[in-house]
Amino acid sequence: MRYVRIHADGSGRSEFEDVEVTGKPGITVDGVPPLLLSGPFPAGSITFVEQPADAPDWEPHVAPRRQFVIVLTGRAAVTVSGGERREFGPGDVLLFEDTTGEGHVSTPLTADLSFAMVPLLPGS
């Protein structure tokens, strides 16, 4: 399983990191054979977000908390402090941890952008 981590370095500049998580065989529920499991990651809630068609451009910002973002529909780009820009689409998983520093810029690329935000519990 792969996700992209966006975090602030020691000087507060946001950057990307590709993270590979190796799953281990485990049972999720009786009646289902062992699956490869990564986690659990202690999470507090889930919020589904849709980009309105008339939304203004997004400004540079930090993440409001450590949270996973899972792209559901559409495409978006994220640009970090050094100017590196990556595009993401359905099924992509990002972990936003740049809660301080310069932050990042998110840019919706399609009118049908939707994603799920899954905040991690403090201390996890």
N, C-alpha and C. Protein backbone atom coordinates (compact mmCIF):
# COMPACT_ATOMS: atom_id res chain seq x y z
N MET A 1 0.86 -1.17 0.00
CA MET A 1 0.00 0.00 0.00
C MET A 1 0.90 1.23 0.00
N ARG A 2 0.52 2.22 -0.78
CA ARG A 2 1.33 3.43 -0.87
C ARG A 2 0.48 4.65 -0.57
N TYR A 3 1.07 5.59 0.11
CA TYR A 3 0.45 6.90 0.25
C TYR A 3 1.52 7.97 0.16
N VAL A 4 1.10 9.20 -0.07
CA VAL A 4 2.02 10.33 -0.16
C VAL A 4 1.86 11.16 1.10
N ARG A 5 2.97 11.40 1.76
CA ARG A 5 2.98 12.21 2.98
C ARG A 5 3.42 13.62 2.61
N ILE A 6 2.67 14.62 3.07
CA ILE A 6 3.04 16.02 2.89
C ILE A 6 3.33 16.55 4.29
N HIS A 7 4.55 16.97 4.54
CA HIS A 7 4.93 17.41 5.88
C HIS A 7 5.88 18.60 5.78
N ALA A 8 6.10 19.26 6.90
CA ALA A 8 7.03 20.38 6.95
C ALA A 8 8.38 19.88 7.43
N ASP A 9 9.45 20.31 6.75
CA ASP A 9 10.78 19.94 7.19
C ASP A 9 11.18 20.80 8.40
N GLY A 10 12.41 20.68 8.85
CA GLY A 10 12.87 21.41 10.04
C GLY A 10 12.81 22.91 9.91
N SER A 11 12.81 23.43 8.67
CA SER A 11 12.74 24.88 8.48
C SER A 11 11.33 25.36 8.13
N GLY A 12 10.34 24.44 8.21
CA GLY A 12 8.96 24.84 7.96
C GLY A 12 8.52 24.79 6.51
N ARG A 13 9.37 24.25 5.63
CA ARG A 13 9.01 24.15 4.22
C ARG A 13 8.32 22.81 3.97
N SER A 14 7.19 22.85 3.29
CA SER A 14 6.46 21.62 3.02
C SER A 14 7.16 20.81 1.93
N GLU A 15 7.04 19.49 2.02
CA GLU A 15 7.64 18.60 1.04
C GLU A 15 6.86 17.30 0.95
N PHE A 16 7.06 16.57 -0.15
CA PHE A 16 6.44 15.28 -0.37
C PHE A 16 7.36 14.17 0.11
N GLU A 17 6.76 13.06 0.55
CA GLU A 17 7.48 11.83 0.84
C GLU A 17 6.59 10.67 0.43
N ASP A 18 7.12 9.77 -0.41
CA ASP A 18 6.38 8.57 -0.78
C ASP A 18 6.58 7.52 0.31
N VAL A 19 5.49 6.97 0.83
CA VAL A 19 5.54 6.01 1.92
C VAL A 19 4.93 4.69 1.46
N GLU A 20 5.65 3.61 1.65
CA GLU A 20 5.16 2.26 1.38
C GLU A 20 4.89 1.59 2.72
N VAL A 21 3.68 1.04 2.86
CA VAL A 21 3.30 0.34 4.07
C VAL A 21 3.09 -1.13 3.69
N THR A 22 3.80 -2.03 4.35
CA THR A 22 3.68 -3.45 4.06
C THR A 22 2.55 -4.05 4.88
N GLY A 23 1.59 -4.65 4.19
CA GLY A 23 0.48 -5.29 4.87
C GLY A 23 0.89 -6.64 5.43
N LYS A 24 0.21 -7.04 6.51
CA LYS A 24 0.44 -8.34 7.15
C LYS A 24 -0.88 -9.10 7.13
N PRO A 25 -0.83 -10.40 6.89
CA PRO A 25 -2.07 -11.18 6.85
C PRO A 25 -2.84 -11.05 8.16
N GLY A 26 -4.14 -10.84 8.04
CA GLY A 26 -4.99 -10.72 9.23
C GLY A 26 -6.45 -10.92 8.86
N ILE A 27 -7.23 -11.20 9.88
CA ILE A 27 -8.66 -11.42 9.71
C ILE A 27 -9.39 -10.11 10.02
N THR A 28 -10.26 -9.69 9.11
CA THR A 28 -11.06 -8.49 9.34
C THR A 28 -12.43 -8.84 9.90
N VAL A 29 -12.98 -9.99 9.48
CA VAL A 29 -14.29 -10.42 9.94
C VAL A 29 -14.43 -11.92 9.64
N ASP A 30 -15.13 -12.65 10.49
CA ASP A 30 -15.36 -14.07 10.26
C ASP A 30 -16.02 -14.27 8.90
N GLY A 31 -15.59 -15.28 8.17
CA GLY A 31 -16.16 -15.59 6.86
C GLY A 31 -15.38 -14.99 5.71
N VAL A 32 -14.41 -14.12 6.01
CA VAL A 32 -13.57 -13.53 4.97
C VAL A 32 -12.16 -14.07 5.19
N PRO A 33 -11.53 -14.60 4.14
CA PRO A 33 -10.17 -15.13 4.31
C PRO A 33 -9.21 -14.03 4.72
N PRO A 34 -8.03 -14.41 5.24
CA PRO A 34 -7.05 -13.39 5.63
C PRO A 34 -6.74 -12.44 4.48
N LEU A 35 -6.68 -11.17 4.81
CA LEU A 35 -6.33 -10.11 3.86
C LEU A 35 -5.04 -9.45 4.35
N LEU A 36 -4.38 -8.70 3.48
CA LEU A 36 -3.19 -7.96 3.91
C LEU A 36 -3.64 -6.66 4.56
N LEU A 37 -3.30 -6.48 5.83
CA LEU A 37 -3.75 -5.33 6.61
C LEU A 37 -2.59 -4.41 6.94
N SER A 38 -2.79 -3.12 6.77
CA SER A 38 -1.85 -2.08 7.18
C SER A 38 -2.58 -1.22 8.19
N GLY A 39 -2.00 -0.99 9.34
CA GLY A 39 -2.69 -0.22 10.36
C GLY A 39 -3.04 -1.14 11.52
N PRO A 40 -3.97 -0.77 12.34
CA PRO A 40 -4.89 0.36 12.19
C PRO A 40 -4.22 1.70 12.51
N PHE A 41 -4.78 2.73 11.92
CA PHE A 41 -4.37 4.10 12.19
C PHE A 41 -5.49 4.73 13.01
N PRO A 42 -5.24 5.10 14.26
CA PRO A 42 -6.31 5.66 15.10
C PRO A 42 -6.89 6.95 14.50
N ALA A 43 -8.16 6.89 14.12
CA ALA A 43 -8.82 8.03 13.48
C ALA A 43 -10.05 8.42 14.28
N GLY A 44 -10.44 9.69 14.16
CA GLY A 44 -11.54 10.20 14.96
C GLY A 44 -12.86 10.33 14.22
N SER A 45 -12.83 10.52 12.90
CA SER A 45 -14.07 10.77 12.16
C SER A 45 -13.76 10.69 10.67
N ILE A 46 -14.77 10.91 9.86
CA ILE A 46 -14.58 11.02 8.42
C ILE A 46 -15.50 12.11 7.92
N THR A 47 -15.00 12.95 7.03
CA THR A 47 -15.79 14.01 6.42
C THR A 47 -15.68 13.87 4.91
N PHE A 48 -16.82 13.86 4.24
CA PHE A 48 -16.84 13.80 2.77
C PHE A 48 -16.95 15.23 2.25
N VAL A 49 -16.10 15.57 1.29
CA VAL A 49 -15.98 16.94 0.80
C VAL A 49 -16.19 16.95 -0.72
N GLU A 50 -16.99 17.90 -1.20
CA GLU A 50 -17.17 18.11 -2.63
C GLU A 50 -16.80 19.55 -2.94
N GLN A 51 -16.09 19.75 -4.04
CA GLN A 51 -15.71 21.09 -4.49
C GLN A 51 -16.88 21.72 -5.22
N PRO A 52 -17.45 22.83 -4.73
CA PRO A 52 -18.52 23.49 -5.48
C PRO A 52 -18.00 24.05 -6.80
N ALA A 53 -18.84 24.07 -7.81
CA ALA A 53 -18.44 24.54 -9.14
C ALA A 53 -17.98 26.00 -9.14
N ASP A 54 -18.56 26.81 -8.24
CA ASP A 54 -18.24 28.24 -8.23
C ASP A 54 -17.22 28.62 -7.14
N ALA A 55 -16.48 27.65 -6.62
CA ALA A 55 -15.53 27.94 -5.55
C ALA A 55 -14.36 28.77 -6.08
N PRO A 56 -13.86 29.73 -5.28
CA PRO A 56 -12.70 30.51 -5.71
C PRO A 56 -11.42 29.66 -5.63
N ASP A 57 -10.33 30.20 -6.19
CA ASP A 57 -9.05 29.51 -6.12
C ASP A 57 -8.63 29.33 -4.67
N TRP A 58 -7.92 28.26 -4.41
CA TRP A 58 -7.45 27.97 -3.05
C TRP A 58 -6.16 28.74 -2.80
N GLU A 59 -5.99 29.20 -1.58
CA GLU A 59 -4.79 29.93 -1.17
C GLU A 59 -3.81 28.96 -0.50
N PRO A 60 -2.52 29.35 -0.38
CA PRO A 60 -1.59 28.51 0.39
C PRO A 60 -2.12 28.35 1.81
N HIS A 61 -1.98 27.14 2.36
CA HIS A 61 -2.50 26.87 3.70
C HIS A 61 -1.77 25.68 4.30
N VAL A 62 -1.81 25.60 5.62
CA VAL A 62 -1.32 24.42 6.33
C VAL A 62 -2.51 23.49 6.57
N ALA A 63 -2.23 22.24 6.84
CA ALA A 63 -3.30 21.30 7.19
C ALA A 63 -3.86 21.68 8.56
N PRO A 64 -5.18 21.59 8.74
CA PRO A 64 -5.77 21.96 10.02
C PRO A 64 -5.43 20.99 11.15
N ARG A 65 -4.99 19.78 10.78
CA ARG A 65 -4.63 18.73 11.72
C ARG A 65 -3.99 17.62 10.89
N ARG A 66 -3.36 16.66 11.54
CA ARG A 66 -2.84 15.49 10.81
C ARG A 66 -4.04 14.71 10.28
N GLN A 67 -4.08 14.49 8.97
CA GLN A 67 -5.24 13.79 8.42
C GLN A 67 -4.90 13.11 7.10
N PHE A 68 -5.54 11.97 6.91
CA PHE A 68 -5.50 11.32 5.61
C PHE A 68 -6.54 11.98 4.73
N VAL A 69 -6.23 12.12 3.45
CA VAL A 69 -7.19 12.57 2.44
C VAL A 69 -7.19 11.49 1.36
N ILE A 70 -8.38 10.99 1.04
CA ILE A 70 -8.55 9.96 0.03
C ILE A 70 -9.36 10.57 -1.11
N VAL A 71 -8.76 10.67 -2.29
CA VAL A 71 -9.46 11.25 -3.43
C VAL A 71 -10.51 10.25 -3.92
N LEU A 72 -11.75 10.72 -4.04
CA LEU A 72 -12.85 9.87 -4.47
C LEU A 72 -13.17 10.05 -5.95
N THR A 73 -13.31 11.31 -6.39
CA THR A 73 -13.60 11.61 -7.79
C THR A 73 -12.80 12.84 -8.20
N GLY A 74 -12.60 12.98 -9.51
CA GLY A 74 -11.91 14.16 -10.02
C GLY A 74 -10.41 14.09 -9.83
N ARG A 75 -9.78 15.24 -10.07
CA ARG A 75 -8.32 15.34 -9.95
C ARG A 75 -7.97 16.67 -9.28
N ALA A 76 -6.86 16.64 -8.54
CA ALA A 76 -6.34 17.85 -7.90
C ALA A 76 -4.82 17.79 -7.93
N ALA A 77 -4.20 18.96 -7.84
CA ALA A 77 -2.75 19.05 -7.74
C ALA A 77 -2.42 19.63 -6.37
N VAL A 78 -1.29 19.21 -5.84
CA VAL A 78 -0.75 19.79 -4.61
C VAL A 78 0.65 20.28 -4.93
N THR A 79 0.93 21.54 -4.53
CA THR A 79 2.25 22.14 -4.73
C THR A 79 2.84 22.43 -3.37
N VAL A 80 4.08 21.97 -3.13
CA VAL A 80 4.76 22.20 -1.86
C VAL A 80 5.71 23.39 -1.98
N SER A 81 6.36 23.74 -0.89
CA SER A 81 7.16 24.96 -0.81
C SER A 81 8.20 25.12 -1.91
N GLY A 82 8.90 24.06 -2.25
CA GLY A 82 9.96 24.15 -3.25
C GLY A 82 9.46 24.23 -4.68
N GLY A 83 8.13 24.22 -4.87
CA GLY A 83 7.57 24.32 -6.20
C GLY A 83 7.21 22.98 -6.83
N GLU A 84 7.60 21.87 -6.18
CA GLU A 84 7.23 20.56 -6.74
C GLU A 84 5.71 20.42 -6.70
N ARG A 85 5.16 19.95 -7.80
CA ARG A 85 3.70 19.80 -7.93
C ARG A 85 3.41 18.37 -8.36
N ARG A 86 2.44 17.76 -7.69
CA ARG A 86 2.00 16.41 -8.06
C ARG A 86 0.50 16.42 -8.23
N GLU A 87 0.03 15.60 -9.18
CA GLU A 87 -1.41 15.47 -9.41
C GLU A 87 -1.91 14.16 -8.83
N PHE A 88 -3.15 14.21 -8.33
CA PHE A 88 -3.75 13.05 -7.68
C PHE A 88 -5.17 12.84 -8.19
N GLY A 89 -5.59 11.58 -8.22
CA GLY A 89 -6.93 11.25 -8.71
C GLY A 89 -7.55 10.16 -7.86
N PRO A 90 -8.68 9.62 -8.32
CA PRO A 90 -9.43 8.64 -7.55
C PRO A 90 -8.56 7.48 -7.04
N GLY A 91 -8.70 7.21 -5.76
CA GLY A 91 -7.94 6.14 -5.12
C GLY A 91 -6.64 6.57 -4.50
N ASP A 92 -6.15 7.76 -4.82
CA ASP A 92 -4.91 8.23 -4.22
C ASP A 92 -5.14 8.60 -2.76
N VAL A 93 -4.15 8.25 -1.93
CA VAL A 93 -4.22 8.51 -0.49
C VAL A 93 -3.06 9.42 -0.12
N LEU A 94 -3.38 10.49 0.61
CA LEU A 94 -2.37 11.45 1.05
C LEU A 94 -2.48 11.60 2.57
N LEU A 95 -1.33 11.77 3.22
CA LEU A 95 -1.30 12.07 4.65
C LEU A 95 -0.76 13.48 4.79
N PHE A 96 -1.62 14.42 5.19
CA PHE A 96 -1.21 15.80 5.38
C PHE A 96 -0.76 16.00 6.82
N GLU A 97 0.51 16.38 6.98
CA GLU A 97 1.09 16.63 8.31
C GLU A 97 1.77 17.99 8.39
N ASP A 98 1.63 18.82 7.38
CA ASP A 98 2.26 20.15 7.42
C ASP A 98 1.34 21.13 8.14
N THR A 99 1.18 20.91 9.44
CA THR A 99 0.27 21.72 10.25
C THR A 99 0.90 23.04 10.70
N THR A 100 2.19 23.22 10.44
CA THR A 100 2.88 24.47 10.72
C THR A 100 3.78 24.78 9.52
N GLY A 101 4.33 25.96 9.48
CA GLY A 101 5.26 26.33 8.42
C GLY A 101 4.58 27.01 7.25
N GLU A 102 5.17 26.86 6.07
CA GLU A 102 4.70 27.56 4.87
C GLU A 102 3.43 26.97 4.28
N GLY A 103 3.17 25.70 4.54
CA GLY A 103 1.98 25.06 4.00
C GLY A 103 2.14 24.65 2.54
N HIS A 104 1.02 24.36 1.91
CA HIS A 104 0.97 23.87 0.54
C HIS A 104 -0.18 24.55 -0.19
N VAL A 105 -0.25 24.36 -1.49
CA VAL A 105 -1.38 24.86 -2.28
C VAL A 105 -2.06 23.67 -2.93
N SER A 106 -3.35 23.53 -2.72
CA SER A 106 -4.16 22.51 -3.38
C SER A 106 -4.90 23.19 -4.52
N THR A 107 -4.91 22.56 -5.68
CA THR A 107 -5.55 23.14 -6.86
C THR A 107 -6.48 22.11 -7.49
N PRO A 108 -7.80 22.30 -7.38
CA PRO A 108 -8.72 21.40 -8.08
C PRO A 108 -8.49 21.50 -9.58
N LEU A 109 -8.44 20.37 -10.27
CA LEU A 109 -8.20 20.34 -11.71
C LEU A 109 -9.44 19.99 -12.50
N THR A 110 -10.44 19.43 -11.84
CA THR A 110 -11.69 19.06 -12.50
C THR A 110 -12.86 19.54 -11.66
N ALA A 111 -14.00 19.68 -12.30
CA ALA A 111 -15.20 20.20 -11.62
C ALA A 111 -15.83 19.17 -10.69
N ASP A 112 -15.44 17.90 -10.80
CA ASP A 112 -16.08 16.85 -10.00
C ASP A 112 -15.22 16.38 -8.83
N LEU A 113 -14.35 17.25 -8.31
CA LEU A 113 -13.45 16.86 -7.23
C LEU A 113 -14.24 16.55 -5.95
N SER A 114 -14.00 15.37 -5.40
CA SER A 114 -14.51 15.02 -4.08
C SER A 114 -13.46 14.16 -3.37
N PHE A 115 -13.45 14.26 -2.05
CA PHE A 115 -12.48 13.50 -1.28
C PHE A 115 -13.01 13.27 0.13
N ALA A 116 -12.39 12.32 0.81
CA ALA A 116 -12.73 12.03 2.21
C ALA A 116 -11.55 12.49 3.06
N MET A 117 -11.86 13.22 4.15
CA MET A 117 -10.85 13.63 5.13
C MET A 117 -11.02 12.76 6.36
N VAL A 118 -9.90 12.14 6.80
CA VAL A 118 -9.93 11.24 7.96
C VAL A 118 -8.88 11.74 8.95
N PRO A 119 -9.28 12.58 9.92
CA PRO A 119 -8.33 13.09 10.91
C PRO A 119 -7.79 11.97 11.80
N LEU A 120 -6.49 12.03 12.06
CA LEU A 120 -5.87 11.08 12.99
C LEU A 120 -6.04 11.61 14.41
N LEU A 121 -6.20 10.71 15.35
CA LEU A 121 -6.35 11.12 16.74
C LEU A 121 -5.04 11.73 17.24
N PRO A 122 -5.11 12.75 18.10
CA PRO A 122 -3.89 13.37 18.65
C PRO A 122 -3.02 12.31 19.33
N GLY A 123 -1.70 12.43 19.12
CA GLY A 123 -0.77 11.51 19.73
C GLY A 123 -0.57 10.22 18.97
N SER A 124 -1.28 10.05 17.86
CA SER A 124 -1.13 8.80 17.10
C SER A 124 -0.09 8.94 16.01
